Amino acid sequence: MSNGATSVNIGDVVATIVMFGFIAVVIIFIVSIYKAYKKNVKRAEERLNVEKQQTFNLQKQVDELNDRVRKIEKLLKEVD
């Protein structure tokens, strides 16, 4: 006799929990990959900025050396 209450099949409950578990694992995996990607992009941008700054500093040093060479050349021409 049924009073309108439904019986719960344990197998169905277990199957539903397992299915949701797999879905949760996939979602967690995708989120972790996305976070790792974002972290790598941020690191790459930071490295690029550091390299740009180093290049700027090296160019500045080269310009200073060129100025010194010009001054030395000018002095040598005056000595001759």
PDB file of N, CA and C in Angstrom:
ATOM      1  N   MET A   1       0.826  -1.184   0.000  1.00  0.00           N
ATOM      2  CA  MET A   1       0.000   0.000   0.000  1.00  0.00           C
ATOM      3  C   MET A   1       0.872   1.249   0.000  1.00  0.00           C
ATOM      4  N   SER A   2       0.524   2.110  -0.856  1.00  0.00           N
ATOM      5  CA  SER A   2       1.291   3.336  -0.974  1.00  0.00           C
ATOM      6  C   SER A   2       0.445   4.500  -0.513  1.00  0.00           C
ATOM      7  N   ASN A   3       0.975   5.306   0.368  1.00  0.00           N
ATOM      8  CA  ASN A   3       0.268   6.480   0.884  1.00  0.00           C
ATOM      9  C   ASN A   3       0.684   7.754   0.138  1.00  0.00           C
ATOM     10  N   GLY A   4       1.232   7.609  -1.005  1.00  0.00           N
ATOM     11  CA  GLY A   4       1.686   8.758  -1.757  1.00  0.00           C
ATOM     12  C   GLY A   4       3.168   9.035  -1.519  1.00  0.00           C
ATOM     13  N   ALA A   5       3.755   8.313  -0.597  1.00  0.00           N
ATOM     14  CA  ALA A   5       5.174   8.486  -0.318  1.00  0.00           C
ATOM     15  C   ALA A   5       5.962   7.659  -1.321  1.00  0.00           C
ATOM     16  N   THR A   6       7.056   8.201  -1.735  1.00  0.00           N
ATOM     17  CA  THR A   6       7.884   7.466  -2.678  1.00  0.00           C
ATOM     18  C   THR A   6       9.023   6.813  -1.925  1.00  0.00           C
ATOM     19  N   SER A   7       9.379   5.665  -2.380  1.00  0.00           N
ATOM     20  CA  SER A   7      10.497   4.981  -1.741  1.00  0.00           C
ATOM     21  C   SER A   7      11.777   5.422  -2.434  1.00  0.00           C
ATOM     22  N   VAL A   8      12.857   5.451  -1.684  1.00  0.00           N
ATOM     23  CA  VAL A   8      14.132   5.889  -2.207  1.00  0.00           C
ATOM     24  C   VAL A   8      14.979   4.659  -2.456  1.00  0.00           C
ATOM     25  N   ASN A   9      15.475   4.584  -3.661  1.00  0.00           N
ATOM     26  CA  ASN A   9      16.334   3.487  -4.019  1.00  0.00           C
ATOM     27  C   ASN A   9      17.770   3.910  -3.710  1.00  0.00           C
ATOM     28  N   ILE A  10      18.458   3.179  -2.886  1.00  0.00           N
ATOM     29  CA  ILE A  10      19.818   3.514  -2.473  1.00  0.00           C
ATOM     30  C   ILE A  10      20.757   3.527  -3.677  1.00  0.00           C
ATOM     31  N   GLY A  11      20.574   2.659  -4.605  1.00  0.00           N
ATOM     32  CA  GLY A  11      21.411   2.614  -5.795  1.00  0.00           C
ATOM     33  C   GLY A  11      21.318   3.908  -6.594  1.00  0.00           C
ATOM     34  N   ASP A  12      20.104   4.455  -6.704  1.00  0.00           N
ATOM     35  CA  ASP A  12      19.923   5.717  -7.407  1.00  0.00           C
ATOM     36  C   ASP A  12      20.635   6.861  -6.683  1.00  0.00           C
ATOM     37  N   VAL A  13      20.557   6.860  -5.369  1.00  0.00           N
ATOM     38  CA  VAL A  13      21.215   7.908  -4.579  1.00  0.00           C
ATOM     39  C   VAL A  13      22.727   7.823  -4.763  1.00  0.00           C
ATOM     40  N   VAL A  14      23.273   6.629  -4.689  1.00  0.00           N
ATOM     41  CA  VAL A  14      24.716   6.440  -4.857  1.00  0.00           C
ATOM     42  C   VAL A  14      25.141   6.856  -6.262  1.00  0.00           C
ATOM     43  N   ALA A  15      24.380   6.474  -7.272  1.00  0.00           N
ATOM     44  CA  ALA A  15      24.705   6.833  -8.650  1.00  0.00           C
ATOM     45  C   ALA A  15      24.669   8.350  -8.838  1.00  0.00           C
ATOM     46  N   THR A  16      23.719   9.015  -8.243  1.00  0.00           N
ATOM     47  CA  THR A  16      23.609  10.470  -8.336  1.00  0.00           C
ATOM     48  C   THR A  16      24.794  11.139  -7.648  1.00  0.00           C
ATOM     49  N   ILE A  17      25.173  10.645  -6.480  1.00  0.00           N
ATOM     50  CA  ILE A  17      26.313  11.212  -5.754  1.00  0.00           C
ATOM     51  C   ILE A  17      27.596  11.031  -6.571  1.00  0.00           C
ATOM     52  N   VAL A  18      27.793   9.853  -7.149  1.00  0.00           N
ATOM     53  CA  VAL A  18      28.979   9.594  -7.959  1.00  0.00           C
ATOM     54  C   VAL A  18      28.999  10.509  -9.176  1.00  0.00           C
ATOM     55  N   MET A  19      27.843  10.676  -9.822  1.00  0.00           N
ATOM     56  CA  MET A  19      27.760  11.534 -10.999  1.00  0.00           C
ATOM     57  C   MET A  19      28.097  12.981 -10.637  1.00  0.00           C
ATOM     58  N   PHE A  20      27.521  13.500  -9.568  1.00  0.00           N
ATOM     59  CA  PHE A  20      27.835  14.855  -9.129  1.00  0.00           C
ATOM     60  C   PHE A  20      29.298  14.977  -8.710  1.00  0.00           C
ATOM     61  N   GLY A  21      29.847  13.920  -8.147  1.00  0.00           N
ATOM     62  CA  GLY A  21      31.260  13.916  -7.774  1.00  0.00           C
ATOM     63  C   GLY A  21      32.152  14.069  -8.994  1.00  0.00           C
ATOM     64  N   PHE A  22      31.856  13.322 -10.057  1.00  0.00           N
ATOM     65  CA  PHE A  22      32.632  13.442 -11.286  1.00  0.00           C
ATOM     66  C   PHE A  22      32.511  14.839 -11.879  1.00  0.00           C
ATOM     67  N   ILE A  23      31.314  15.381 -11.856  1.00  0.00           N
ATOM     68  CA  ILE A  23      31.103  16.735 -12.375  1.00  0.00           C
ATOM     69  C   ILE A  23      31.900  17.735 -11.551  1.00  0.00           C
ATOM     70  N   ALA A  24      31.887  17.595 -10.236  1.00  0.00           N
ATOM     71  CA  ALA A  24      32.639  18.502  -9.361  1.00  0.00           C
ATOM     72  C   ALA A  24      34.140  18.394  -9.628  1.00  0.00           C
ATOM     73  N   VAL A  25      34.646  17.180  -9.822  1.00  0.00           N
ATOM     74  CA  VAL A  25      36.071  16.996 -10.100  1.00  0.00           C
ATOM     75  C   VAL A  25      36.449  17.667 -11.416  1.00  0.00           C
ATOM     76  N   VAL A  26      35.632  17.538 -12.423  1.00  0.00           N
ATOM     77  CA  VAL A  26      35.904  18.164 -13.716  1.00  0.00           C
ATOM     78  C   VAL A  26      35.900  19.686 -13.577  1.00  0.00           C
ATOM     79  N   ILE A  27      34.933  20.223 -12.859  1.00  0.00           N
ATOM     80  CA  ILE A  27      34.856  21.674 -12.668  1.00  0.00           C
ATOM     81  C   ILE A  27      36.078  22.175 -11.901  1.00  0.00           C
ATOM     82  N   ILE A  28      36.465  21.480 -10.849  1.00  0.00           N
ATOM     83  CA  ILE A  28      37.643  21.862 -10.062  1.00  0.00           C
ATOM     84  C   ILE A  28      38.890  21.801 -10.937  1.00  0.00           C
ATOM     85  N   PHE A  29      39.012  20.784 -11.771  1.00  0.00           N
ATOM     86  CA  PHE A  29      40.154  20.645 -12.673  1.00  0.00           C
ATOM     87  C   PHE A  29      40.224  21.808 -13.652  1.00  0.00           C
ATOM     88  N   ILE A  30      39.097  22.168 -14.241  1.00  0.00           N
ATOM     89  CA  ILE A  30      39.063  23.281 -15.200  1.00  0.00           C
ATOM     90  C   ILE A  30      39.417  24.593 -14.510  1.00  0.00           C
ATOM     91  N   VAL A  31      38.896  24.816 -13.326  1.00  0.00           N
ATOM     92  CA  VAL A  31      39.201  26.051 -12.589  1.00  0.00           C
ATOM     93  C   VAL A  31      40.680  26.114 -12.237  1.00  0.00           C
ATOM     94  N   SER A  32      41.261  24.999 -11.823  1.00  0.00           N
ATOM     95  CA  SER A  32      42.684  25.007 -11.469  1.00  0.00           C
ATOM     96  C   SER A  32      43.557  25.257 -12.700  1.00  0.00           C
ATOM     97  N   ILE A  33      43.194  24.713 -13.837  1.00  0.00           N
ATOM     98  CA  ILE A  33      43.942  24.977 -15.075  1.00  0.00           C
ATOM     99  C   ILE A  33      43.836  26.454 -15.439  1.00  0.00           C
ATOM    100  N   TYR A  34      42.657  27.039 -15.298  1.00  0.00           N
ATOM    101  CA  TYR A  34      42.461  28.451 -15.615  1.00  0.00           C
ATOM    102  C   TYR A  34      43.313  29.338 -14.699  1.00  0.00           C
ATOM    103  N   LYS A  35      43.337  29.010 -13.405  1.00  0.00           N
ATOM    104  CA  LYS A  35      44.153  29.785 -12.466  1.00  0.00           C
ATOM    105  C   LYS A  35      45.638  29.668 -12.799  1.00  0.00           C
ATOM    106  N   ALA A  36      46.091  28.477 -13.149  1.00  0.00           N
ATOM    107  CA  ALA A  36      47.499  28.287 -13.517  1.00  0.00           C
ATOM    108  C   ALA A  36      47.822  29.085 -14.776  1.00  0.00           C
ATOM    109  N   TYR A  37      46.922  29.117 -15.736  1.00  0.00           N
ATOM    110  CA  TYR A  37      47.124  29.887 -16.957  1.00  0.00           C
ATOM    111  C   TYR A  37      47.259  31.377 -16.644  1.00  0.00           C
ATOM    112  N   LYS A  38      46.363  31.886 -15.822  1.00  0.00           N
ATOM    113  CA  LYS A  38      46.407  33.297 -15.451  1.00  0.00           C
ATOM    114  C   LYS A  38      47.711  33.629 -14.732  1.00  0.00           C
ATOM    115  N   LYS A  39      48.157  32.725 -13.861  1.00  0.00           N
ATOM    116  CA  LYS A  39      49.398  32.936 -13.118  1.00  0.00           C
ATOM    117  C   LYS A  39      50.589  32.986 -14.073  1.00  0.00           C
ATOM    118  N   ASN A  40      50.601  32.098 -15.066  1.00  0.00           N
ATOM    119  CA  ASN A  40      51.683  32.096 -16.056  1.00  0.00           C
ATOM    120  C   ASN A  40      51.684  33.368 -16.892  1.00  0.00           C
ATOM    121  N   VAL A  41      50.511  33.855 -17.247  1.00  0.00           N
ATOM    122  CA  VAL A  41      50.413  35.093 -18.021  1.00  0.00           C
ATOM    123  C   VAL A  41      50.964  36.256 -17.203  1.00  0.00           C
ATOM    124  N   LYS A  42      50.624  36.295 -15.928  1.00  0.00           N
ATOM    125  CA  LYS A  42      51.106  37.367 -15.060  1.00  0.00           C
ATOM    126  C   LYS A  42      52.630  37.315 -14.931  1.00  0.00           C
ATOM    127  N   ARG A  43      53.177  36.113 -14.749  1.00  0.00           N
ATOM    128  CA  ARG A  43      54.634  35.965 -14.658  1.00  0.00           C
ATOM    129  C   ARG A  43      55.315  36.407 -15.954  1.00  0.00           C
ATOM    130  N   ALA A  44      54.736  36.047 -17.086  1.00  0.00           N
ATOM    131  CA  ALA A  44      55.316  36.423 -18.373  1.00  0.00           C
ATOM    132  C   ALA A  44      55.316  37.941 -18.541  1.00  0.00           C
ATOM    133  N   GLU A  45      54.249  38.597 -18.119  1.00  0.00           N
ATOM    134  CA  GLU A  45      54.192  40.054 -18.216  1.00  0.00           C
ATOM    135  C   GLU A  45      55.233  40.693 -17.303  1.00  0.00           C
ATOM    136  N   GLU A  46      55.397  40.130 -16.099  1.00  0.00           N
ATOM    137  CA  GLU A  46      56.401  40.665 -15.180  1.00  0.00           C
ATOM    138  C   GLU A  46      57.806  40.490 -15.755  1.00  0.00           C
ATOM    139  N   ARG A  47      58.084  39.312 -16.337  1.00  0.00           N
ATOM    140  CA  ARG A  47      59.392  39.085 -16.956  1.00  0.00           C
ATOM    141  C   ARG A  47      59.637  40.053 -18.105  1.00  0.00           C
ATOM    142  N   LEU A  48      58.608  40.288 -18.903  1.00  0.00           N
ATOM    143  CA  LEU A  48      58.732  41.217 -20.023  1.00  0.00           C
ATOM    144  C   LEU A  48      59.047  42.628 -19.524  1.00  0.00           C
ATOM    145  N   ASN A  49      58.376  43.048 -18.464  1.00  0.00           N
ATOM    146  CA  ASN A  49      58.643  44.381 -17.915  1.00  0.00           C
ATOM    147  C   ASN A  49      60.066  44.483 -17.378  1.00  0.00           C
ATOM    148  N   VAL A  50      60.543  43.431 -16.722  1.00  0.00           N
ATOM    149  CA  VAL A  50      61.918  43.433 -16.211  1.00  0.00           C
ATOM    150  C   VAL A  50      62.903  43.499 -17.367  1.00  0.00           C
ATOM    151  N   GLU A  51      62.661  42.725 -18.410  1.00  0.00           N
ATOM    152  CA  GLU A  51      63.552  42.746 -19.574  1.00  0.00           C
ATOM    153  C   GLU A  51      63.545  44.109 -20.266  1.00  0.00           C
ATOM    154  N   LYS A  52      62.382  44.743 -20.335  1.00  0.00           N
ATOM    155  CA  LYS A  52      62.312  46.089 -20.926  1.00  0.00           C
ATOM    156  C   LYS A  52      63.129  47.073 -20.103  1.00  0.00           C
ATOM    157  N   GLN A  53      63.023  46.980 -18.787  1.00  0.00           N
ATOM    158  CA  GLN A  53      63.781  47.877 -17.918  1.00  0.00           C
ATOM    159  C   GLN A  53      65.281  47.638 -18.070  1.00  0.00           C
ATOM    160  N   GLN A  54      65.681  46.371 -18.151  1.00  0.00           N
ATOM    161  CA  GLN A  54      67.092  46.049 -18.341  1.00  0.00           C
ATOM    162  C   GLN A  54      67.597  46.578 -19.682  1.00  0.00           C
ATOM    163  N   THR A  55      66.795  46.433 -20.706  1.00  0.00           N
ATOM    164  CA  THR A  55      67.168  46.936 -22.024  1.00  0.00           C
ATOM    165  C   THR A  55      67.320  48.459 -21.993  1.00  0.00           C
ATOM    166  N   PHE A  56      66.402  49.119 -21.310  1.00  0.00           N
ATOM    167  CA  PHE A  56      66.480  50.575 -21.185  1.00  0.00           C
ATOM    168  C   PHE A  56      67.771  50.980 -20.468  1.00  0.00           C
ATOM    169  N   ASN A  57      68.098  50.285 -19.379  1.00  0.00           N
ATOM    170  CA  ASN A  57      69.323  50.593 -18.630  1.00  0.00           C
ATOM    171  C   ASN A  57      70.569  50.340 -19.469  1.00  0.00           C
ATOM    172  N   LEU A  58      70.580  49.247 -20.215  1.00  0.00           N
ATOM    173  CA  LEU A  58      71.724  48.956 -21.080  1.00  0.00           C
ATOM    174  C   LEU A  58      71.881  50.012 -22.176  1.00  0.00           C
ATOM    175  N   GLN A  59      70.777  50.443 -22.743  1.00  0.00           N
ATOM    176  CA  GLN A  59      70.836  51.480 -23.777  1.00  0.00           C
ATOM    177  C   GLN A  59      71.366  52.776 -23.189  1.00  0.00           C
ATOM    178  N   LYS A  60      70.964  53.080 -21.982  1.00  0.00           N
ATOM    179  CA  LYS A  60      71.457  54.281 -21.316  1.00  0.00           C
ATOM    180  C   LYS A  60      72.970  54.192 -21.099  1.00  0.00           C
ATOM    181  N   GLN A  61      73.457  53.030 -20.694  1.00  0.00           N
ATOM    182  CA  GLN A  61      74.895  52.840 -20.501  1.00  0.00           C
ATOM    183  C   GLN A  61      75.651  52.963 -21.822  1.00  0.00           C
ATOM    184  N   VAL A  62      75.084  52.399 -22.884  1.00  0.00           N
ATOM    185  CA  VAL A  62      75.712  52.498 -24.203  1.00  0.00           C
ATOM    186  C   VAL A  62      75.788  53.961 -24.630  1.00  0.00           C
ATOM    187  N   ASP A  63      74.722  54.715 -24.405  1.00  0.00           N
ATOM    188  CA  ASP A  63      74.731  56.141 -24.758  1.00  0.00           C
ATOM    189  C   ASP A  63      75.810  56.896 -23.979  1.00  0.00           C
ATOM    190  N   GLU A  64      75.935  56.571 -22.691  1.00  0.00           N
ATOM    191  CA  GLU A  64      76.970  57.220 -21.878  1.00  0.00           C
ATOM    192  C   GLU A  64      78.369  56.869 -22.386  1.00  0.00           C
ATOM    193  N   LEU A  65      78.574  55.612 -22.748  1.00  0.00           N
ATOM    194  CA  LEU A  65      79.873  55.204 -23.287  1.00  0.00           C
ATOM    195  C   LEU A  65      80.163  55.898 -24.619  1.00  0.00           C
ATOM    196  N   ASN A  66      79.158  56.038 -25.448  1.00  0.00           N
ATOM    197  CA  ASN A  66      79.339  56.745 -26.723  1.00  0.00           C
ATOM    198  C   ASN A  66      79.732  58.201 -26.485  1.00  0.00           C
ATOM    199  N   ASP A  67      79.115  58.831 -25.499  1.00  0.00           N
ATOM    200  CA  ASP A  67      79.486  60.208 -25.174  1.00  0.00           C
ATOM    201  C   ASP A  67      80.942  60.290 -24.725  1.00  0.00           C
ATOM    202  N   ARG A  68      81.358  59.354 -23.905  1.00  0.00           N
ATOM    203  CA  ARG A  68      82.753  59.339 -23.439  1.00  0.00           C
ATOM    204  C   ARG A  68      83.727  59.149 -24.607  1.00  0.00           C
ATOM    205  N   VAL A  69      83.374  58.232 -25.511  1.00  0.00           N
ATOM    206  CA  VAL A  69      84.234  57.989 -26.673  1.00  0.00           C
ATOM    207  C   VAL A  69      84.336  59.257 -27.522  1.00  0.00           C
ATOM    208  N   ARG A  70      83.237  59.951 -27.716  1.00  0.00           N
ATOM    209  CA  ARG A  70      83.256  61.193 -28.503  1.00  0.00           C
ATOM    210  C   ARG A  70      84.165  62.228 -27.846  1.00  0.00           C
ATOM    211  N   LYS A  71      84.073  62.332 -26.531  1.00  0.00           N
ATOM    212  CA  LYS A  71      84.925  63.291 -25.822  1.00  0.00           C
ATOM    213  C   LYS A  71      86.401  62.920 -25.961  1.00  0.00           C
ATOM    214  N   ILE A  72      86.693  61.634 -25.834  1.00  0.00           N
ATOM    215  CA  ILE A  72      88.085  61.176 -25.984  1.00  0.00           C
ATOM    216  C   ILE A  72      88.580  61.440 -27.398  1.00  0.00           C
ATOM    217  N   GLU A  73      87.752  61.176 -28.407  1.00  0.00           N
ATOM    218  CA  GLU A  73      88.133  61.439 -29.793  1.00  0.00           C
ATOM    219  C   GLU A  73      88.398  62.933 -30.016  1.00  0.00           C
ATOM    220  N   LYS A  74      87.542  63.740 -29.408  1.00  0.00           N
ATOM    221  CA  LYS A  74      87.704  65.180 -29.552  1.00  0.00           C
ATOM    222  C   LYS A  74      89.022  65.641 -28.931  1.00  0.00           C
ATOM    223  N   LEU A  75      89.348  65.091 -27.745  1.00  0.00           N
ATOM    224  CA  LEU A  75      90.626  65.438 -27.106  1.00  0.00           C
ATOM    225  C   LEU A  75      91.812  64.982 -27.929  1.00  0.00           C
ATOM    226  N   LEU A  76      91.719  63.795 -28.493  1.00  0.00           N
ATOM    227  CA  LEU A  76      92.804  63.289 -29.323  1.00  0.00           C
ATOM    228  C   LEU A  76      93.010  64.142 -30.571  1.00  0.00           C
ATOM    229  N   LYS A  77      91.932  64.622 -31.152  1.00  0.00           N
ATOM    230  CA  LYS A  77      92.047  65.483 -32.341  1.00  0.00           C
ATOM    231  C   LYS A  77      92.688  66.814 -31.954  1.00  0.00           C
ATOM    232  N   GLU A  78      92.364  67.297 -30.772  1.00  0.00           N
ATOM    233  CA  GLU A  78      92.951  68.567 -30.332  1.00  0.00           C
ATOM    234  C   GLU A  78      94.444  68.416 -30.068  1.00  0.00           C
ATOM    235  N   VAL A  79      94.860  67.242 -29.589  1.00  0.00           N
ATOM    236  CA  VAL A  79      96.275  66.995 -29.296  1.00  0.00           C
ATOM    237  C   VAL A  79      97.074  66.945 -30.594  1.00  0.00           C
ATOM    238  N   ASP A  80      96.494  66.397 -31.623  1.00  0.00           N
ATOM    239  CA  ASP A  80      97.214  66.284 -32.909  1.00  0.00           C
ATOM    240  C   ASP A  80      97.406  67.601 -33.486  1.00  0.00           C
TER     241      ASP A  80
END
